[in-house]
Amino acid sequence: MFRAVIFDFDGVITDSEILHLRSFNHVLSQFNFELGVKEYYKDYLGLSDRDLFCELIKKQILKVPADSVDKFLEQKKHAFEMLASTDGKIIDGVRDFLILLEKIISRRRFVRGRY
């Protein structure tokens, strides 16, 4: 009998990386800059949102004060929430798997990483 099941959300429940990229690009569009898909996956995948913006400032891709990052984080969070509510998709089979787990494990908790 299972007492707990733990799995990563992104890539298991849903694949939201493209939504994160689109959200970053929404924020970056005010600077007439866009991260390409290959560039994002090669150079920035795995960074926290804060670290990604800091890296762009450090590389002088974004020529803004470092204290602008908090504003960018809020903009990106809002953009991501909008995209996730309209374009987010659950990976095939996950819904059935969660229904099965519900029969086996009576208590469920969902957690997520921090931005």
N, C-alpha and C. Protein backbone atom coordinates (compact mmCIF):
# COMPACT_ATOMS: atom_id res chain seq x y z
N MET A 1 0.86 -1.18 0.00
CA MET A 1 0.00 0.00 0.00
C MET A 1 0.90 1.24 0.00
N PHE A 2 0.55 2.19 -0.83
CA PHE A 2 1.28 3.45 -0.90
C PHE A 2 0.85 4.36 0.25
N ARG A 3 1.82 5.03 0.84
CA ARG A 3 1.49 6.06 1.82
C ARG A 3 1.65 7.44 1.20
N ALA A 4 2.51 7.53 0.19
CA ALA A 4 2.74 8.82 -0.46
C ALA A 4 3.28 8.61 -1.86
N VAL A 5 2.97 9.54 -2.72
CA VAL A 5 3.53 9.58 -4.07
C VAL A 5 3.99 11.00 -4.30
N ILE A 6 5.25 11.16 -4.68
CA ILE A 6 5.81 12.48 -4.93
C ILE A 6 6.35 12.49 -6.35
N PHE A 7 5.98 13.49 -7.11
CA PHE A 7 6.53 13.63 -8.45
C PHE A 7 6.60 15.09 -8.82
N ASP A 8 7.50 15.38 -9.73
CA ASP A 8 7.69 16.75 -10.19
C ASP A 8 6.49 17.17 -11.01
N PHE A 9 6.11 18.41 -10.89
CA PHE A 9 4.93 18.92 -11.60
C PHE A 9 5.21 19.12 -13.08
N ASP A 10 6.23 19.90 -13.37
CA ASP A 10 6.50 20.25 -14.77
C ASP A 10 7.19 19.10 -15.48
N GLY A 11 6.58 18.66 -16.56
CA GLY A 11 7.09 17.53 -17.31
C GLY A 11 6.42 16.23 -16.92
N VAL A 12 5.70 16.22 -15.80
CA VAL A 12 4.98 15.03 -15.35
C VAL A 12 3.47 15.30 -15.41
N ILE A 13 3.03 16.37 -14.79
CA ILE A 13 1.62 16.75 -14.81
C ILE A 13 1.31 17.58 -16.06
N THR A 14 2.18 18.52 -16.33
CA THR A 14 2.02 19.41 -17.47
C THR A 14 3.40 19.81 -17.98
N ASP A 15 3.46 20.29 -19.20
CA ASP A 15 4.71 20.82 -19.72
C ASP A 15 4.52 22.32 -19.89
N SER A 16 4.93 23.07 -18.88
CA SER A 16 4.67 24.51 -18.89
C SER A 16 5.88 25.34 -19.30
N GLU A 17 6.98 24.70 -19.68
CA GLU A 17 8.17 25.49 -20.01
C GLU A 17 7.92 26.49 -21.12
N ILE A 18 7.17 26.09 -22.14
CA ILE A 18 6.90 27.03 -23.24
C ILE A 18 6.07 28.21 -22.74
N LEU A 19 5.21 27.98 -21.75
CA LEU A 19 4.43 29.07 -21.17
C LEU A 19 5.34 30.01 -20.37
N HIS A 20 6.34 29.44 -19.70
CA HIS A 20 7.31 30.28 -18.99
C HIS A 20 8.08 31.14 -19.99
N LEU A 21 8.53 30.54 -21.08
CA LEU A 21 9.25 31.29 -22.11
C LEU A 21 8.38 32.41 -22.66
N ARG A 22 7.14 32.10 -22.98
CA ARG A 22 6.23 33.13 -23.50
C ARG A 22 6.02 34.24 -22.47
N SER A 23 5.97 33.88 -21.19
CA SER A 23 5.80 34.88 -20.13
C SER A 23 7.03 35.77 -20.00
N PHE A 24 8.20 35.16 -20.06
CA PHE A 24 9.44 35.96 -20.05
C PHE A 24 9.43 36.92 -21.24
N ASN A 25 9.10 36.40 -22.41
CA ASN A 25 9.12 37.25 -23.60
C ASN A 25 8.08 38.36 -23.54
N HIS A 26 6.98 38.11 -22.84
CA HIS A 26 5.99 39.18 -22.64
C HIS A 26 6.64 40.35 -21.89
N VAL A 27 7.37 40.02 -20.84
CA VAL A 27 8.05 41.06 -20.04
C VAL A 27 9.17 41.71 -20.87
N LEU A 28 9.93 40.89 -21.58
CA LEU A 28 11.07 41.40 -22.33
C LEU A 28 10.66 42.22 -23.55
N SER A 29 9.44 42.07 -24.01
CA SER A 29 8.99 42.80 -25.20
C SER A 29 9.04 44.32 -25.00
N GLN A 30 8.91 44.76 -23.76
CA GLN A 30 8.99 46.21 -23.50
C GLN A 30 10.38 46.76 -23.79
N PHE A 31 11.37 45.85 -23.93
CA PHE A 31 12.74 46.25 -24.26
C PHE A 31 13.12 45.84 -25.68
N ASN A 32 12.10 45.47 -26.47
CA ASN A 32 12.31 45.01 -27.84
C ASN A 32 13.32 43.86 -27.90
N PHE A 33 13.19 42.96 -26.95
CA PHE A 33 14.08 41.79 -26.88
C PHE A 33 13.22 40.54 -26.72
N GLU A 34 13.67 39.45 -27.33
CA GLU A 34 12.97 38.18 -27.21
C GLU A 34 13.97 37.05 -27.09
N LEU A 35 13.73 36.16 -26.14
CA LEU A 35 14.54 34.95 -26.02
C LEU A 35 14.02 33.93 -27.02
N GLY A 36 14.91 33.37 -27.81
CA GLY A 36 14.52 32.29 -28.72
C GLY A 36 14.37 30.98 -27.95
N VAL A 37 13.65 30.05 -28.54
CA VAL A 37 13.41 28.76 -27.89
C VAL A 37 14.73 28.05 -27.62
N LYS A 38 15.59 27.95 -28.64
CA LYS A 38 16.86 27.24 -28.46
C LYS A 38 17.73 27.92 -27.40
N GLU A 39 17.78 29.24 -27.45
CA GLU A 39 18.57 30.00 -26.47
C GLU A 39 18.04 29.77 -25.06
N TYR A 40 16.72 29.82 -24.90
CA TYR A 40 16.11 29.63 -23.58
C TYR A 40 16.44 28.25 -23.03
N TYR A 41 16.23 27.21 -23.83
CA TYR A 41 16.49 25.85 -23.36
C TYR A 41 17.98 25.60 -23.13
N LYS A 42 18.84 26.20 -23.93
CA LYS A 42 20.29 25.98 -23.79
C LYS A 42 20.89 26.76 -22.62
N ASP A 43 20.51 28.03 -22.49
CA ASP A 43 21.20 28.92 -21.55
C ASP A 43 20.43 29.24 -20.27
N TYR A 44 19.12 29.11 -20.27
CA TYR A 44 18.35 29.64 -19.14
C TYR A 44 17.44 28.63 -18.46
N LEU A 45 17.17 27.50 -19.08
CA LEU A 45 16.31 26.49 -18.47
C LEU A 45 16.93 26.04 -17.15
N GLY A 46 16.15 25.99 -16.12
CA GLY A 46 16.63 25.58 -14.80
C GLY A 46 16.95 26.73 -13.88
N LEU A 47 17.07 27.94 -14.45
CA LEU A 47 17.28 29.11 -13.59
C LEU A 47 15.94 29.52 -12.98
N SER A 48 16.00 30.07 -11.79
CA SER A 48 14.78 30.67 -11.23
C SER A 48 14.44 31.90 -12.06
N ASP A 49 13.23 32.36 -11.95
CA ASP A 49 12.83 33.58 -12.67
C ASP A 49 13.76 34.73 -12.31
N ARG A 50 14.03 34.88 -11.02
CA ARG A 50 14.90 35.96 -10.55
C ARG A 50 16.29 35.83 -11.18
N ASP A 51 16.84 34.62 -11.16
CA ASP A 51 18.18 34.43 -11.70
C ASP A 51 18.23 34.70 -13.21
N LEU A 52 17.17 34.34 -13.92
CA LEU A 52 17.14 34.62 -15.36
C LEU A 52 17.19 36.12 -15.62
N PHE A 53 16.35 36.88 -14.95
CA PHE A 53 16.37 38.33 -15.15
C PHE A 53 17.71 38.92 -14.72
N CYS A 54 18.26 38.46 -13.61
CA CYS A 54 19.57 38.95 -13.14
C CYS A 54 20.66 38.63 -14.16
N GLU A 55 20.59 37.46 -14.75
CA GLU A 55 21.58 37.07 -15.76
C GLU A 55 21.48 37.98 -16.99
N LEU A 56 20.28 38.32 -17.41
CA LEU A 56 20.11 39.22 -18.55
C LEU A 56 20.64 40.63 -18.23
N ILE A 57 20.48 41.03 -16.99
CA ILE A 57 21.03 42.34 -16.57
C ILE A 57 22.55 42.26 -16.51
N LYS A 58 23.07 41.18 -15.95
CA LYS A 58 24.52 41.01 -15.83
C LYS A 58 25.19 41.00 -17.21
N LYS A 59 24.53 40.35 -18.19
CA LYS A 59 25.08 40.29 -19.55
C LYS A 59 24.82 41.58 -20.33
N GLN A 60 24.15 42.52 -19.68
CA GLN A 60 23.77 43.81 -20.26
C GLN A 60 22.85 43.67 -21.47
N ILE A 61 22.12 42.57 -21.49
CA ILE A 61 21.05 42.42 -22.48
C ILE A 61 19.91 43.34 -22.08
N LEU A 62 19.64 43.38 -20.78
CA LEU A 62 18.71 44.36 -20.21
C LEU A 62 19.54 45.43 -19.53
N LYS A 63 19.43 46.60 -20.00
CA LYS A 63 20.20 47.72 -19.42
C LYS A 63 19.29 48.49 -18.48
N VAL A 64 19.08 47.86 -17.33
CA VAL A 64 18.20 48.43 -16.30
C VAL A 64 18.87 48.21 -14.95
N PRO A 65 18.46 48.98 -13.94
CA PRO A 65 19.01 48.75 -12.60
C PRO A 65 18.58 47.39 -12.06
N ALA A 66 19.44 46.78 -11.27
CA ALA A 66 19.15 45.46 -10.70
C ALA A 66 17.89 45.46 -9.85
N ASP A 67 17.54 46.61 -9.28
CA ASP A 67 16.33 46.65 -8.44
C ASP A 67 15.04 46.62 -9.27
N SER A 68 15.16 46.53 -10.59
CA SER A 68 13.99 46.39 -11.47
C SER A 68 13.46 44.95 -11.46
N VAL A 69 14.25 44.02 -10.97
CA VAL A 69 13.90 42.61 -11.06
C VAL A 69 12.57 42.30 -10.39
N ASP A 70 12.30 42.86 -9.21
CA ASP A 70 11.04 42.57 -8.53
C ASP A 70 9.84 42.96 -9.38
N LYS A 71 9.93 44.08 -10.07
CA LYS A 71 8.85 44.51 -10.96
C LYS A 71 8.68 43.50 -12.11
N PHE A 72 9.80 43.04 -12.67
CA PHE A 72 9.74 42.06 -13.75
C PHE A 72 9.14 40.74 -13.28
N LEU A 73 9.48 40.34 -12.05
CA LEU A 73 8.94 39.10 -11.50
C LEU A 73 7.41 39.16 -11.39
N GLU A 74 6.90 40.29 -10.95
CA GLU A 74 5.44 40.46 -10.86
C GLU A 74 4.80 40.42 -12.24
N GLN A 75 5.41 41.09 -13.20
CA GLN A 75 4.88 41.09 -14.57
C GLN A 75 4.89 39.68 -15.15
N LYS A 76 5.99 38.96 -14.92
CA LYS A 76 6.10 37.60 -15.46
C LYS A 76 5.09 36.68 -14.79
N LYS A 77 4.93 36.81 -13.48
CA LYS A 77 3.96 35.98 -12.75
C LYS A 77 2.56 36.19 -13.29
N HIS A 78 2.19 37.44 -13.50
CA HIS A 78 0.86 37.75 -14.03
C HIS A 78 0.70 37.17 -15.44
N ALA A 79 1.71 37.35 -16.28
CA ALA A 79 1.64 36.82 -17.65
C ALA A 79 1.52 35.30 -17.64
N PHE A 80 2.29 34.64 -16.76
CA PHE A 80 2.23 33.18 -16.69
C PHE A 80 0.85 32.71 -16.23
N GLU A 81 0.31 33.35 -15.22
CA GLU A 81 -1.02 32.94 -14.72
C GLU A 81 -2.07 33.07 -15.81
N MET A 82 -2.00 34.13 -16.61
CA MET A 82 -2.95 34.31 -17.71
C MET A 82 -2.78 33.21 -18.76
N LEU A 83 -1.54 32.93 -19.13
CA LEU A 83 -1.28 31.90 -20.14
C LEU A 83 -1.66 30.51 -19.62
N ALA A 84 -1.33 30.23 -18.38
CA ALA A 84 -1.64 28.91 -17.81
C ALA A 84 -3.14 28.67 -17.77
N SER A 85 -3.91 29.73 -17.53
CA SER A 85 -5.37 29.56 -17.45
C SER A 85 -6.00 29.37 -18.82
N THR A 86 -5.32 29.83 -19.87
CA THR A 86 -5.90 29.70 -21.21
C THR A 86 -5.20 28.65 -22.06
N ASP A 87 -3.90 28.47 -21.89
CA ASP A 87 -3.13 27.58 -22.78
C ASP A 87 -2.52 26.38 -22.07
N GLY A 88 -2.67 26.30 -20.75
CA GLY A 88 -2.09 25.17 -20.01
C GLY A 88 -2.83 23.88 -20.32
N LYS A 89 -2.05 22.81 -20.46
CA LYS A 89 -2.64 21.50 -20.79
C LYS A 89 -2.03 20.44 -19.89
N ILE A 90 -2.86 19.55 -19.40
CA ILE A 90 -2.41 18.41 -18.61
C ILE A 90 -1.94 17.32 -19.58
N ILE A 91 -0.82 16.68 -19.27
CA ILE A 91 -0.28 15.61 -20.10
C ILE A 91 -1.25 14.44 -20.12
N ASP A 92 -1.40 13.82 -21.30
CA ASP A 92 -2.31 12.69 -21.46
C ASP A 92 -2.06 11.62 -20.42
N GLY A 93 -3.13 11.11 -19.82
CA GLY A 93 -3.06 10.03 -18.85
C GLY A 93 -2.95 10.48 -17.40
N VAL A 94 -2.59 11.73 -17.19
CA VAL A 94 -2.39 12.22 -15.82
C VAL A 94 -3.71 12.24 -15.04
N ARG A 95 -4.75 12.73 -15.67
CA ARG A 95 -6.04 12.81 -14.98
C ARG A 95 -6.48 11.43 -14.50
N ASP A 96 -6.36 10.39 -15.36
CA ASP A 96 -6.73 9.03 -14.98
C ASP A 96 -5.84 8.51 -13.85
N PHE A 97 -4.54 8.84 -13.92
CA PHE A 97 -3.61 8.42 -12.88
C PHE A 97 -3.98 9.05 -11.53
N LEU A 98 -4.33 10.33 -11.54
CA LEU A 98 -4.71 11.00 -10.29
C LEU A 98 -6.00 10.42 -9.72
N ILE A 99 -6.91 10.05 -10.58
CA ILE A 99 -8.16 9.40 -10.12
C ILE A 99 -7.83 8.06 -9.46
N LEU A 100 -6.90 7.30 -10.07
CA LEU A 100 -6.46 6.04 -9.48
C LEU A 100 -5.81 6.26 -8.13
N LEU A 101 -4.94 7.26 -8.04
CA LEU A 101 -4.28 7.56 -6.76
C LEU A 101 -5.28 7.94 -5.69
N GLU A 102 -6.32 8.64 -6.08
CA GLU A 102 -7.34 9.05 -5.12
C GLU A 102 -7.98 7.83 -4.43
N LYS A 103 -8.08 6.73 -5.17
CA LYS A 103 -8.66 5.51 -4.60
C LYS A 103 -7.69 4.81 -3.65
N ILE A 104 -6.39 5.02 -3.86
CA ILE A 104 -5.37 4.33 -3.08
C ILE A 104 -4.91 5.16 -1.88
N ILE A 105 -4.78 6.46 -2.10
CA ILE A 105 -4.26 7.36 -1.06
C ILE A 105 -5.33 8.38 -0.72
N SER A 106 -5.75 8.39 0.53
CA SER A 106 -6.87 9.26 0.90
C SER A 106 -6.46 10.72 1.11
N ARG A 107 -5.22 10.96 1.49
CA ARG A 107 -4.77 12.33 1.74
C ARG A 107 -3.86 12.77 0.61
N ARG A 108 -4.13 13.95 0.07
CA ARG A 108 -3.34 14.48 -1.03
C ARG A 108 -2.83 15.86 -0.67
N ARG A 109 -1.62 16.15 -1.07
CA ARG A 109 -1.05 17.48 -0.92
C ARG A 109 -0.32 17.83 -2.21
N PHE A 110 -0.44 19.06 -2.61
CA PHE A 110 0.27 19.54 -3.79
C PHE A 110 1.23 20.64 -3.35
N VAL A 111 2.43 20.57 -3.85
CA VAL A 111 3.44 21.57 -3.53
C VAL A 111 4.06 22.05 -4.84
N ARG A 112 4.69 23.20 -4.78
CA ARG A 112 5.38 23.71 -5.95
C ARG A 112 6.64 24.44 -5.52
N GLY A 113 7.52 24.61 -6.47
CA GLY A 113 8.74 25.35 -6.18
C GLY A 113 8.46 26.83 -6.09
N ARG A 114 9.46 27.57 -5.70
CA ARG A 114 9.33 29.01 -5.61
C ARG A 114 9.88 29.66 -6.85
N TYR A 115 9.40 30.84 -7.15
CA TYR A 115 9.83 31.56 -8.35
C TYR A 115 11.21 32.07 -8.15
